[in-house]
Amino acid sequence: MVTIKGIDPKMIANNLEPSEPTHPGELLKEEIEYRGISQKKLAKEIGISYKVLNDILNCRRPITTNTALLVEAALGIPAHILTGLQMDYNMQTAKKDKSFMERLANIRKIAAVL
């Protein structure tokens, strides 16, 4: 987190989180549409089912490390970019889960006394 004396850290652009996290499927979907590649063709090329690829592209399924490497081989998009987006998406989604955040707060209270 970036801090500047006298400025609320929440007001510094580098500290802001997007209101909606970006799923790697969004990036991939735009990329294959731009390149004019069909989902069926890409799925066949990388050796995964159309359903799995479609679920990733429509943000219903996470991209795995293996799938990210397959996409990298086929499209040249670095796998670490895709897996990094997935991790950021997972973290932001978890932070929006109120019951999970309450659970974390309770654990932190307990841990502070230990």
PDB file of N, CA and C in Angstrom:
ATOM      1  N   MET A   1       0.842  -1.172   0.000  1.00  0.00           N
ATOM      2  CA  MET A   1       0.000   0.000   0.000  1.00  0.00           C
ATOM      3  C   MET A   1       0.893   1.243   0.000  1.00  0.00           C
ATOM      4  N   VAL A   2       0.564   2.178  -0.886  1.00  0.00           N
ATOM      5  CA  VAL A   2       1.292   3.432  -0.970  1.00  0.00           C
ATOM      6  C   VAL A   2       0.749   4.386   0.089  1.00  0.00           C
ATOM      7  N   THR A   3       1.653   5.043   0.818  1.00  0.00           N
ATOM      8  CA  THR A   3       1.221   6.034   1.803  1.00  0.00           C
ATOM      9  C   THR A   3       1.918   7.358   1.538  1.00  0.00           C
ATOM     10  N   ILE A   4       1.170   8.431   1.717  1.00  0.00           N
ATOM     11  CA  ILE A   4       1.688   9.782   1.586  1.00  0.00           C
ATOM     12  C   ILE A   4       1.175  10.551   2.793  1.00  0.00           C
ATOM     13  N   LYS A   5       2.099  11.168   3.507  1.00  0.00           N
ATOM     14  CA  LYS A   5       1.732  11.893   4.726  1.00  0.00           C
ATOM     15  C   LYS A   5       0.631  12.915   4.435  1.00  0.00           C
ATOM     16  N   GLY A   6      -0.423  12.852   5.235  1.00  0.00           N
ATOM     17  CA  GLY A   6      -1.518  13.804   5.125  1.00  0.00           C
ATOM     18  C   GLY A   6      -2.593  13.448   4.115  1.00  0.00           C
ATOM     19  N   ILE A   7      -2.441  12.308   3.420  1.00  0.00           N
ATOM     20  CA  ILE A   7      -3.437  11.906   2.415  1.00  0.00           C
ATOM     21  C   ILE A   7      -4.007  10.546   2.799  1.00  0.00           C
ATOM     22  N   ASP A   8      -5.320  10.459   2.770  1.00  0.00           N
ATOM     23  CA  ASP A   8      -6.003   9.203   3.063  1.00  0.00           C
ATOM     24  C   ASP A   8      -5.534   8.141   2.065  1.00  0.00           C
ATOM     25  N   PRO A   9      -4.974   6.998   2.542  1.00  0.00           N
ATOM     26  CA  PRO A   9      -4.474   5.956   1.634  1.00  0.00           C
ATOM     27  C   PRO A   9      -5.524   5.455   0.648  1.00  0.00           C
ATOM     28  N   LYS A  10      -6.810   5.567   1.021  1.00  0.00           N
ATOM     29  CA  LYS A  10      -7.876   5.116   0.128  1.00  0.00           C
ATOM     30  C   LYS A  10      -8.054   6.043  -1.071  1.00  0.00           C
ATOM     31  N   MET A  11      -7.466   7.231  -0.999  1.00  0.00           N
ATOM     32  CA  MET A  11      -7.612   8.206  -2.070  1.00  0.00           C
ATOM     33  C   MET A  11      -6.426   8.202  -3.038  1.00  0.00           C
ATOM     34  N   ILE A  12      -5.474   7.297  -2.837  1.00  0.00           N
ATOM     35  CA  ILE A  12      -4.302   7.199  -3.712  1.00  0.00           C
ATOM     36  C   ILE A  12      -4.592   6.159  -4.782  1.00  0.00           C
ATOM     37  N   ALA A  13      -4.434   6.542  -6.044  1.00  0.00           N
ATOM     38  CA  ALA A  13      -4.816   5.680  -7.173  1.00  0.00           C
ATOM     39  C   ALA A  13      -4.191   4.293  -7.092  1.00  0.00           C
ATOM     40  N   ASN A  14      -2.943   4.178  -6.692  1.00  0.00           N
ATOM     41  CA  ASN A  14      -2.286   2.869  -6.630  1.00  0.00           C
ATOM     42  C   ASN A  14      -2.890   1.951  -5.577  1.00  0.00           C
ATOM     43  N   ASN A  15      -3.650   2.496  -4.652  1.00  0.00           N
ATOM     44  CA  ASN A  15      -4.255   1.696  -3.592  1.00  0.00           C
ATOM     45  C   ASN A  15      -5.686   1.279  -3.909  1.00  0.00           C
ATOM     46  N   LEU A  16      -6.231   1.782  -4.998  1.00  0.00           N
ATOM     47  CA  LEU A  16      -7.624   1.487  -5.330  1.00  0.00           C
ATOM     48  C   LEU A  16      -7.768   0.098  -5.927  1.00  0.00           C
ATOM     49  N   GLU A  17      -8.839  -0.565  -5.562  1.00  0.00           N
ATOM     50  CA  GLU A  17      -9.189  -1.842  -6.181  1.00  0.00           C
ATOM     51  C   GLU A  17     -10.384  -1.590  -7.080  1.00  0.00           C
ATOM     52  N   PRO A  18     -10.409  -2.252  -8.237  1.00  0.00           N
ATOM     53  CA  PRO A  18     -11.564  -2.052  -9.114  1.00  0.00           C
ATOM     54  C   PRO A  18     -12.845  -2.502  -8.423  1.00  0.00           C
ATOM     55  N   SER A  19     -13.955  -1.861  -8.766  1.00  0.00           N
ATOM     56  CA  SER A  19     -15.217  -2.245  -8.142  1.00  0.00           C
ATOM     57  C   SER A  19     -15.598  -3.665  -8.526  1.00  0.00           C
ATOM     58  N   GLU A  20     -15.211  -4.075  -9.702  1.00  0.00           N
ATOM     59  CA  GLU A  20     -15.433  -5.449 -10.148  1.00  0.00           C
ATOM     60  C   GLU A  20     -14.092  -6.041 -10.568  1.00  0.00           C
ATOM     61  N   PRO A  21     -13.727  -7.181 -10.013  1.00  0.00           N
ATOM     62  CA  PRO A  21     -12.451  -7.796 -10.408  1.00  0.00           C
ATOM     63  C   PRO A  21     -12.501  -8.272 -11.861  1.00  0.00           C
ATOM     64  N   THR A  22     -11.340  -8.330 -12.494  1.00  0.00           N
ATOM     65  CA  THR A  22     -11.253  -8.782 -13.875  1.00  0.00           C
ATOM     66  C   THR A  22     -10.894 -10.258 -13.914  1.00  0.00           C
ATOM     67  N   HIS A  23     -11.768 -11.048 -14.468  1.00  0.00           N
ATOM     68  CA  HIS A  23     -11.527 -12.485 -14.643  1.00  0.00           C
ATOM     69  C   HIS A  23     -10.665 -12.655 -15.896  1.00  0.00           C
ATOM     70  N   PRO A  24      -9.693 -13.571 -15.874  1.00  0.00           N
ATOM     71  CA  PRO A  24      -8.844 -13.762 -17.056  1.00  0.00           C
ATOM     72  C   PRO A  24      -9.629 -14.168 -18.300  1.00  0.00           C
ATOM     73  N   GLY A  25     -10.789 -14.767 -18.106  1.00  0.00           N
ATOM     74  CA  GLY A  25     -11.627 -15.148 -19.236  1.00  0.00           C
ATOM     75  C   GLY A  25     -12.071 -13.942 -20.054  1.00  0.00           C
ATOM     76  N   GLU A  26     -12.271 -12.797 -19.370  1.00  0.00           N
ATOM     77  CA  GLU A  26     -12.661 -11.580 -20.090  1.00  0.00           C
ATOM     78  C   GLU A  26     -11.577 -11.171 -21.071  1.00  0.00           C
ATOM     79  N   LEU A  27     -10.340 -11.194 -20.612  1.00  0.00           N
ATOM     80  CA  LEU A  27      -9.208 -10.837 -21.463  1.00  0.00           C
ATOM     81  C   LEU A  27      -9.087 -11.808 -22.633  1.00  0.00           C
ATOM     82  N   LEU A  28      -9.185 -13.103 -22.340  1.00  0.00           N
ATOM     83  CA  LEU A  28      -9.070 -14.118 -23.389  1.00  0.00           C
ATOM     84  C   LEU A  28     -10.195 -14.012 -24.416  1.00  0.00           C
ATOM     85  N   LYS A  29     -11.392 -13.767 -23.940  1.00  0.00           N
ATOM     86  CA  LYS A  29     -12.530 -13.661 -24.853  1.00  0.00           C
ATOM     87  C   LYS A  29     -12.327 -12.499 -25.828  1.00  0.00           C
ATOM     88  N   GLU A  30     -11.913 -11.365 -25.297  1.00  0.00           N
ATOM     89  CA  GLU A  30     -11.655 -10.214 -26.164  1.00  0.00           C
ATOM     90  C   GLU A  30     -10.536 -10.516 -27.157  1.00  0.00           C
ATOM     91  N   GLU A  31      -9.503 -11.201 -26.696  1.00  0.00           N
ATOM     92  CA  GLU A  31      -8.356 -11.504 -27.550  1.00  0.00           C
ATOM     93  C   GLU A  31      -8.722 -12.434 -28.699  1.00  0.00           C
ATOM     94  N   ILE A  32      -9.462 -13.497 -28.408  1.00  0.00           N
ATOM     95  CA  ILE A  32      -9.789 -14.420 -29.502  1.00  0.00           C
ATOM     96  C   ILE A  32     -10.804 -13.800 -30.461  1.00  0.00           C
ATOM     97  N   GLU A  33     -11.681 -12.948 -29.938  1.00  0.00           N
ATOM     98  CA  GLU A  33     -12.609 -12.242 -30.833  1.00  0.00           C
ATOM     99  C   GLU A  33     -11.843 -11.295 -31.744  1.00  0.00           C
ATOM    100  N   TYR A  34     -10.869 -10.577 -31.186  1.00  0.00           N
ATOM    101  CA  TYR A  34     -10.056  -9.652 -31.962  1.00  0.00           C
ATOM    102  C   TYR A  34      -9.287 -10.398 -33.064  1.00  0.00           C
ATOM    103  N   ARG A  35      -8.786 -11.578 -32.716  1.00  0.00           N
ATOM    104  CA  ARG A  35      -8.009 -12.362 -33.681  1.00  0.00           C
ATOM    105  C   ARG A  35      -8.885 -13.152 -34.650  1.00  0.00           C
ATOM    106  N   GLY A  36     -10.179 -13.194 -34.392  1.00  0.00           N
ATOM    107  CA  GLY A  36     -11.091 -13.932 -35.258  1.00  0.00           C
ATOM    108  C   GLY A  36     -10.978 -15.442 -35.117  1.00  0.00           C
ATOM    109  N   ILE A  37     -10.620 -15.893 -33.918  1.00  0.00           N
ATOM    110  CA  ILE A  37     -10.487 -17.328 -33.645  1.00  0.00           C
ATOM    111  C   ILE A  37     -11.761 -17.799 -32.954  1.00  0.00           C
ATOM    112  N   SER A  38     -12.324 -18.896 -33.422  1.00  0.00           N
ATOM    113  CA  SER A  38     -13.528 -19.410 -32.765  1.00  0.00           C
ATOM    114  C   SER A  38     -13.142 -20.146 -31.480  1.00  0.00           C
ATOM    115  N   GLN A  39     -14.087 -20.183 -30.563  1.00  0.00           N
ATOM    116  CA  GLN A  39     -13.862 -20.906 -29.312  1.00  0.00           C
ATOM    117  C   GLN A  39     -13.626 -22.386 -29.588  1.00  0.00           C
ATOM    118  N   LYS A  40     -14.387 -22.946 -30.520  1.00  0.00           N
ATOM    119  CA  LYS A  40     -14.235 -24.371 -30.839  1.00  0.00           C
ATOM    120  C   LYS A  40     -12.849 -24.668 -31.394  1.00  0.00           C
ATOM    121  N   LYS A  41     -12.365 -23.768 -32.265  1.00  0.00           N
ATOM    122  CA  LYS A  41     -11.045 -23.968 -32.850  1.00  0.00           C
ATOM    123  C   LYS A  41      -9.959 -23.895 -31.783  1.00  0.00           C
ATOM    124  N   LEU A  42     -10.041 -22.892 -30.908  1.00  0.00           N
ATOM    125  CA  LEU A  42      -9.034 -22.758 -29.851  1.00  0.00           C
ATOM    126  C   LEU A  42      -9.087 -23.939 -28.893  1.00  0.00           C
ATOM    127  N   ALA A  43     -10.279 -24.348 -28.515  1.00  0.00           N
ATOM    128  CA  ALA A  43     -10.417 -25.492 -27.605  1.00  0.00           C
ATOM    129  C   ALA A  43      -9.769 -26.732 -28.209  1.00  0.00           C
ATOM    130  N   LYS A  44     -10.033 -26.977 -29.479  1.00  0.00           N
ATOM    131  CA  LYS A  44      -9.449 -28.139 -30.151  1.00  0.00           C
ATOM    132  C   LYS A  44      -7.929 -28.012 -30.217  1.00  0.00           C
ATOM    133  N   GLU A  45      -7.450 -26.822 -30.556  1.00  0.00           N
ATOM    134  CA  GLU A  45      -6.013 -26.579 -30.691  1.00  0.00           C
ATOM    135  C   GLU A  45      -5.258 -26.848 -29.391  1.00  0.00           C
ATOM    136  N   ILE A  46      -5.841 -26.438 -28.262  1.00  0.00           N
ATOM    137  CA  ILE A  46      -5.126 -26.612 -26.997  1.00  0.00           C
ATOM    138  C   ILE A  46      -5.507 -27.903 -26.264  1.00  0.00           C
ATOM    139  N   GLY A  47      -6.466 -28.628 -26.810  1.00  0.00           N
ATOM    140  CA  GLY A  47      -6.783 -29.938 -26.249  1.00  0.00           C
ATOM    141  C   GLY A  47      -7.672 -29.927 -25.021  1.00  0.00           C
ATOM    142  N   ILE A  48      -8.587 -28.962 -24.954  1.00  0.00           N
ATOM    143  CA  ILE A  48      -9.563 -28.976 -23.868  1.00  0.00           C
ATOM    144  C   ILE A  48     -10.948 -28.949 -24.488  1.00  0.00           C
ATOM    145  N   SER A  49     -11.956 -29.289 -23.690  1.00  0.00           N
ATOM    146  CA  SER A  49     -13.311 -29.308 -24.235  1.00  0.00           C
ATOM    147  C   SER A  49     -13.810 -27.885 -24.486  1.00  0.00           C
ATOM    148  N   TYR A  50     -14.702 -27.788 -25.447  1.00  0.00           N
ATOM    149  CA  TYR A  50     -15.331 -26.492 -25.751  1.00  0.00           C
ATOM    150  C   TYR A  50     -16.030 -25.955 -24.513  1.00  0.00           C
ATOM    151  N   LYS A  51     -16.706 -26.826 -23.762  1.00  0.00           N
ATOM    152  CA  LYS A  51     -17.450 -26.425 -22.564  1.00  0.00           C
ATOM    153  C   LYS A  51     -16.519 -25.775 -21.538  1.00  0.00           C
ATOM    154  N   VAL A  52     -15.360 -26.394 -21.304  1.00  0.00           N
ATOM    155  CA  VAL A  52     -14.406 -25.841 -20.336  1.00  0.00           C
ATOM    156  C   VAL A  52     -13.937 -24.460 -20.797  1.00  0.00           C
ATOM    157  N   LEU A  53     -13.543 -24.341 -22.060  1.00  0.00           N
ATOM    158  CA  LEU A  53     -13.090 -23.048 -22.570  1.00  0.00           C
ATOM    159  C   LEU A  53     -14.200 -22.011 -22.503  1.00  0.00           C
ATOM    160  N   ASN A  54     -15.396 -22.379 -22.896  1.00  0.00           N
ATOM    161  CA  ASN A  54     -16.523 -21.454 -22.865  1.00  0.00           C
ATOM    162  C   ASN A  54     -16.802 -20.995 -21.443  1.00  0.00           C
ATOM    163  N   ASP A  55     -16.712 -21.902 -20.475  1.00  0.00           N
ATOM    164  CA  ASP A  55     -16.926 -21.528 -19.071  1.00  0.00           C
ATOM    165  C   ASP A  55     -15.851 -20.548 -18.589  1.00  0.00           C
ATOM    166  N   ILE A  56     -14.610 -20.735 -19.012  1.00  0.00           N
ATOM    167  CA  ILE A  56     -13.542 -19.803 -18.642  1.00  0.00           C
ATOM    168  C   ILE A  56     -13.822 -18.437 -19.268  1.00  0.00           C
ATOM    169  N   LEU A  57     -14.128 -18.432 -20.564  1.00  0.00           N
ATOM    170  CA  LEU A  57     -14.345 -17.169 -21.278  1.00  0.00           C
ATOM    171  C   LEU A  57     -15.552 -16.401 -20.755  1.00  0.00           C
ATOM    172  N   ASN A  58     -16.509 -17.114 -20.181  1.00  0.00           N
ATOM    173  CA  ASN A  58     -17.707 -16.472 -19.623  1.00  0.00           C
ATOM    174  C   ASN A  58     -17.642 -16.349 -18.103  1.00  0.00           C
ATOM    175  N   CYS A  59     -16.422 -16.480 -17.568  1.00  0.00           N
ATOM    176  CA  CYS A  59     -16.130 -16.228 -16.144  1.00  0.00           C
ATOM    177  C   CYS A  59     -16.875 -17.159 -15.191  1.00  0.00           C
ATOM    178  N   ARG A  60     -17.200 -18.361 -15.656  1.00  0.00           N
ATOM    179  CA  ARG A  60     -17.881 -19.334 -14.797  1.00  0.00           C
ATOM    180  C   ARG A  60     -16.916 -20.366 -14.224  1.00  0.00           C
ATOM    181  N   ARG A  61     -15.672 -20.353 -14.703  1.00  0.00           N
ATOM    182  CA  ARG A  61     -14.687 -21.336 -14.268  1.00  0.00           C
ATOM    183  C   ARG A  61     -13.331 -20.633 -14.194  1.00  0.00           C
ATOM    184  N   PRO A  62     -12.534 -20.953 -13.179  1.00  0.00           N
ATOM    185  CA  PRO A  62     -11.203 -20.333 -13.106  1.00  0.00           C
ATOM    186  C   PRO A  62     -10.262 -20.936 -14.151  1.00  0.00           C
ATOM    187  N   ILE A  63      -9.265 -20.174 -14.524  1.00  0.00           N
ATOM    188  CA  ILE A  63      -8.250 -20.713 -15.418  1.00  0.00           C
ATOM    189  C   ILE A  63      -7.191 -21.374 -14.550  1.00  0.00           C
ATOM    190  N   THR A  64      -6.820 -22.585 -14.877  1.00  0.00           N
ATOM    191  CA  THR A  64      -5.795 -23.299 -14.116  1.00  0.00           C
ATOM    192  C   THR A  64      -4.418 -22.965 -14.690  1.00  0.00           C
ATOM    193  N   THR A  65      -3.394 -23.317 -13.954  1.00  0.00           N
ATOM    194  CA  THR A  65      -2.028 -23.116 -14.422  1.00  0.00           C
ATOM    195  C   THR A  65      -1.796 -23.862 -15.727  1.00  0.00           C
ATOM    196  N   ASN A  66      -2.251 -25.110 -15.794  1.00  0.00           N
ATOM    197  CA  ASN A  66      -2.060 -25.896 -17.016  1.00  0.00           C
ATOM    198  C   ASN A  66      -2.758 -25.267 -18.212  1.00  0.00           C
ATOM    199  N   THR A  67      -3.995 -24.820 -18.015  1.00  0.00           N
ATOM    200  CA  THR A  67      -4.731 -24.199 -19.112  1.00  0.00           C
ATOM    201  C   THR A  67      -4.057 -22.894 -19.525  1.00  0.00           C
ATOM    202  N   ALA A  68      -3.569 -22.126 -18.557  1.00  0.00           N
ATOM    203  CA  ALA A  68      -2.865 -20.882 -18.873  1.00  0.00           C
ATOM    204  C   ALA A  68      -1.623 -21.166 -19.717  1.00  0.00           C
ATOM    205  N   LEU A  69      -0.916 -22.240 -19.403  1.00  0.00           N
ATOM    206  CA  LEU A  69       0.264 -22.612 -20.201  1.00  0.00           C
ATOM    207  C   LEU A  69      -0.125 -23.046 -21.606  1.00  0.00           C
ATOM    208  N   LEU A  70      -1.243 -23.747 -21.728  1.00  0.00           N
ATOM    209  CA  LEU A  70      -1.727 -24.150 -23.049  1.00  0.00           C
ATOM    210  C   LEU A  70      -2.099 -22.927 -23.887  1.00  0.00           C
ATOM    211  N   VAL A  71      -2.766 -21.977 -23.259  1.00  0.00           N
ATOM    212  CA  VAL A  71      -3.153 -20.740 -23.947  1.00  0.00           C
ATOM    213  C   VAL A  71      -1.904 -19.957 -24.348  1.00  0.00           C
ATOM    214  N   GLU A  72      -0.935 -19.918 -23.465  1.00  0.00           N
ATOM    215  CA  GLU A  72       0.326 -19.232 -23.782  1.00  0.00           C
ATOM    216  C   GLU A  72       0.970 -19.836 -25.027  1.00  0.00           C
ATOM    217  N   ALA A  73       0.987 -21.159 -25.099  1.00  0.00           N
ATOM    218  CA  ALA A  73       1.582 -21.835 -26.256  1.00  0.00           C
ATOM    219  C   ALA A  73       0.823 -21.505 -27.543  1.00  0.00           C
ATOM    220  N   ALA A  74      -0.495 -21.412 -27.440  1.00  0.00           N
ATOM    221  CA  ALA A  74      -1.312 -21.179 -28.637  1.00  0.00           C
ATOM    222  C   ALA A  74      -1.395 -19.711 -29.041  1.00  0.00           C
ATOM    223  N   LEU A  75      -1.497 -18.812 -28.060  1.00  0.00           N
ATOM    224  CA  LEU A  75      -1.755 -17.404 -28.371  1.00  0.00           C
ATOM    225  C   LEU A  75      -0.605 -16.464 -28.034  1.00  0.00           C
ATOM    226  N   GLY A  76       0.353 -16.969 -27.268  1.00  0.00           N
ATOM    227  CA  GLY A  76       1.475 -16.122 -26.890  1.00  0.00           C
ATOM    228  C   GLY A  76       1.204 -15.186 -25.728  1.00  0.00           C
ATOM    229  N   ILE A  77       0.070 -15.339 -25.063  1.00  0.00           N
ATOM    230  CA  ILE A  77      -0.235 -14.530 -23.877  1.00  0.00           C
ATOM    231  C   ILE A  77       0.463 -15.195 -22.695  1.00  0.00           C
ATOM    232  N   PRO A  78       1.356 -14.479 -22.021  1.00  0.00           N
ATOM    233  CA  PRO A  78       2.107 -15.098 -20.928  1.00  0.00           C
ATOM    234  C   PRO A  78       1.192 -15.720 -19.862  1.00  0.00           C
ATOM    235  N   ALA A  79       1.485 -16.965 -19.518  1.00  0.00           N
ATOM    236  CA  ALA A  79       0.672 -17.686 -18.534  1.00  0.00           C
ATOM    237  C   ALA A  79       0.646 -16.966 -17.194  1.00  0.00           C
ATOM    238  N   HIS A  80       1.762 -16.331 -16.813  1.00  0.00           N
ATOM    239  CA  HIS A  80       1.790 -15.660 -15.512  1.00  0.00           C
ATOM    240  C   HIS A  80       0.826 -14.472 -15.470  1.00  0.00           C
ATOM    241  N   ILE A  81       0.548 -13.869 -16.608  1.00  0.00           N
ATOM    242  CA  ILE A  81      -0.445 -12.786 -16.653  1.00  0.00           C
ATOM    243  C   ILE A  81      -1.834 -13.358 -16.344  1.00  0.00           C
ATOM    244  N   LEU A  82      -2.153 -14.470 -16.981  1.00  0.00           N
ATOM    245  CA  LEU A  82      -3.467 -15.093 -16.802  1.00  0.00           C
ATOM    246  C   LEU A  82      -3.655 -15.612 -15.381  1.00  0.00           C
ATOM    247  N   THR A  83      -2.628 -16.287 -14.845  1.00  0.00           N
ATOM    248  CA  THR A  83      -2.761 -16.822 -13.485  1.00  0.00           C
ATOM    249  C   THR A  83      -2.752 -15.697 -12.457  1.00  0.00           C
ATOM    250  N   GLY A  84      -2.029 -14.617 -12.750  1.00  0.00           N
ATOM    251  CA  GLY A  84      -2.044 -13.454 -11.854  1.00  0.00           C
ATOM    252  C   GLY A  84      -3.413 -12.796 -11.808  1.00  0.00           C
ATOM    253  N   LEU A  85      -4.037 -12.659 -12.981  1.00  0.00           N
ATOM    254  CA  LEU A  85      -5.405 -12.120 -13.025  1.00  0.00           C
ATOM    255  C   LEU A  85      -6.353 -13.010 -12.245  1.00  0.00           C
ATOM    256  N   GLN A  86      -6.184 -14.335 -12.390  1.00  0.00           N
ATOM    257  CA  GLN A  86      -7.053 -15.268 -11.678  1.00  0.00           C
ATOM    258  C   GLN A  86      -6.886 -15.119 -10.168  1.00  0.00           C
ATOM    259  N   MET A  87      -5.629 -14.996  -9.716  1.00  0.00           N
ATOM    260  CA  MET A  87      -5.381 -14.843  -8.275  1.00  0.00           C
ATOM    261  C   MET A  87      -5.982 -13.538  -7.759  1.00  0.00           C
ATOM    262  N   ASP A  88      -5.795 -12.446  -8.510  1.00  0.00           N
ATOM    263  CA  ASP A  88      -6.389 -11.168  -8.106  1.00  0.00           C
ATOM    264  C   ASP A  88      -7.911 -11.274  -8.053  1.00  0.00           C
ATOM    265  N   TYR A  89      -8.492 -11.932  -9.043  1.00  0.00           N
ATOM    266  CA  TYR A  89      -9.944 -12.129  -9.093  1.00  0.00           C
ATOM    267  C   TYR A  89     -10.408 -12.914  -7.860  1.00  0.00           C
ATOM    268  N   ASN A  90      -9.689 -13.989  -7.545  1.00  0.00           N
ATOM    269  CA  ASN A  90     -10.053 -14.812  -6.392  1.00  0.00           C
ATOM    270  C   ASN A  90      -9.978 -14.012  -5.090  1.00  0.00           C
ATOM    271  N   MET A  91      -8.905 -13.225  -4.932  1.00  0.00           N
ATOM    272  CA  MET A  91      -8.729 -12.444  -3.704  1.00  0.00           C
ATOM    273  C   MET A  91      -9.825 -11.389  -3.565  1.00  0.00           C
ATOM    274  N   GLN A  92     -10.122 -10.680  -4.649  1.00  0.00           N
ATOM    275  CA  GLN A  92     -11.148  -9.643  -4.579  1.00  0.00           C
ATOM    276  C   GLN A  92     -12.527 -10.242  -4.341  1.00  0.00           C
ATOM    277  N   THR A  93     -12.781 -11.392  -4.934  1.00  0.00           N
ATOM    278  CA  THR A  93     -14.063 -12.062  -4.728  1.00  0.00           C
ATOM    279  C   THR A  93     -14.196 -12.509  -3.273  1.00  0.00           C
ATOM    280  N   ALA A  94     -13.125 -13.048  -2.703  1.00  0.00           N
ATOM    281  CA  ALA A  94     -13.148 -13.479  -1.307  1.00  0.00           C
ATOM    282  C   ALA A  94     -13.386 -12.293  -0.375  1.00  0.00           C
ATOM    283  N   LYS A  95     -12.761 -11.152  -0.681  1.00  0.00           N
ATOM    284  CA  LYS A  95     -12.912  -9.967   0.166  1.00  0.00           C
ATOM    285  C   LYS A  95     -14.327  -9.391   0.114  1.00  0.00           C
ATOM    286  N   LYS A  96     -15.082  -9.719  -0.906  1.00  0.00           N
ATOM    287  CA  LYS A  96     -16.468  -9.234  -1.009  1.00  0.00           C
ATOM    288  C   LYS A  96     -17.452 -10.153  -0.294  1.00  0.00           C
ATOM    289  N   ASP A  97     -16.976 -11.297   0.161  1.00  0.00           N
ATOM    290  CA  ASP A  97     -17.815 -12.266   0.865  1.00  0.00           C
ATOM    291  C   ASP A  97     -17.884 -11.855   2.337  1.00  0.00           C
ATOM    292  N   LYS A  98     -18.992 -11.251   2.728  1.00  0.00           N
ATOM    293  CA  LYS A  98     -19.130 -10.696   4.075  1.00  0.00           C
ATOM    294  C   LYS A  98     -18.971 -11.748   5.171  1.00  0.00           C
ATOM    295  N   SER A  99     -19.551 -12.917   4.990  1.00  0.00           N
ATOM    296  CA  SER A  99     -19.447 -13.945   6.036  1.00  0.00           C
ATOM    297  C   SER A  99     -17.999 -14.426   6.169  1.00  0.00           C
ATOM    298  N   PHE A 100     -17.292 -14.529   5.060  1.00  0.00           N
ATOM    299  CA  PHE A 100     -15.889 -14.933   5.124  1.00  0.00           C
ATOM    300  C   PHE A 100     -15.045 -13.856   5.798  1.00  0.00           C
ATOM    301  N   MET A 101     -15.332 -12.597   5.496  1.00  0.00           N
ATOM    302  CA  MET A 101     -14.578 -11.507   6.117  1.00  0.00           C
ATOM    303  C   MET A 101     -14.839 -11.441   7.622  1.00  0.00           C
ATOM    304  N   GLU A 102     -16.063 -11.749   8.056  1.00  0.00           N
ATOM    305  CA  GLU A 102     -16.364 -11.816   9.488  1.00  0.00           C
ATOM    306  C   GLU A 102     -15.575 -12.950  10.134  1.00  0.00           C
ATOM    307  N   ARG A 103     -15.512 -14.067   9.458  1.00  0.00           N
ATOM    308  CA  ARG A 103     -14.736 -15.211   9.955  1.00  0.00           C
ATOM    309  C   ARG A 103     -13.266 -14.829  10.110  1.00  0.00           C
ATOM    310  N   LEU A 104     -12.697 -14.132   9.114  1.00  0.00           N
ATOM    311  CA  LEU A 104     -11.305 -13.678   9.206  1.00  0.00           C
ATOM    312  C   LEU A 104     -11.111 -12.732  10.381  1.00  0.00           C
ATOM    313  N   ALA A 105     -12.051 -11.813  10.574  1.00  0.00           N
ATOM    314  CA  ALA A 105     -11.953 -10.852  11.678  1.00  0.00           C
ATOM    315  C   ALA A 105     -11.941 -11.582  13.017  1.00  0.00           C
ATOM    316  N   ASN A 106     -12.784 -12.607  13.155  1.00  0.00           N
ATOM    317  CA  ASN A 106     -12.823 -13.381  14.397  1.00  0.00           C
ATOM    318  C   ASN A 106     -11.514 -14.127  14.624  1.00  0.00           C
ATOM    319  N   ILE A 107     -10.963 -14.682  13.569  1.00  0.00           N
ATOM    320  CA  ILE A 107      -9.688 -15.393  13.698  1.00  0.00           C
ATOM    321  C   ILE A 107      -8.585 -14.419  14.091  1.00  0.00           C
ATOM    322  N   ARG A 108      -8.585 -13.225  13.522  1.00  0.00           N
ATOM    323  CA  ARG A 108      -7.582 -12.234  13.843  1.00  0.00           C
ATOM    324  C   ARG A 108      -7.672 -11.806  15.311  1.00  0.00           C
ATOM    325  N   LYS A 109      -8.913 -11.720  15.836  1.00  0.00           N
ATOM    326  CA  LYS A 109      -9.088 -11.377  17.254  1.00  0.00           C
ATOM    327  C   LYS A 109      -8.498 -12.453  18.139  1.00  0.00           C
ATOM    328  N   ILE A 110      -8.753 -13.701  17.777  1.00  0.00           N
ATOM    329  CA  ILE A 110      -8.241 -14.840  18.558  1.00  0.00           C
ATOM    330  C   ILE A 110      -6.717 -14.871  18.466  1.00  0.00           C
ATOM    331  N   ALA A 111      -6.187 -14.680  17.264  1.00  0.00           N
ATOM    332  CA  ALA A 111      -4.745 -14.743  17.055  1.00  0.00           C
ATOM    333  C   ALA A 111      -4.017 -13.632  17.796  1.00  0.00           C
ATOM    334  N   ALA A 112      -4.674 -12.482  17.952  1.00  0.00           N
ATOM    335  CA  ALA A 112      -4.048 -11.343  18.636  1.00  0.00           C
ATOM    336  C   ALA A 112      -3.826 -11.649  20.117  1.00  0.00           C
ATOM    337  N   VAL A 113      -4.639 -12.535  20.690  1.00  0.00           N
ATOM    338  CA  VAL A 113      -4.515 -12.863  22.117  1.00  0.00           C
ATOM    339  C   VAL A 113      -3.519 -13.991  22.340  1.00  0.00           C
ATOM    340  N   LEU A 114      -3.266 -14.775  21.324  1.00  0.00           N
ATOM    341  CA  LEU A 114      -2.363 -15.917  21.490  1.00  0.00           C
ATOM    342  C   LEU A 114      -0.950 -15.508  21.694  1.00  0.00           C
TER     343      LEU A 114
END
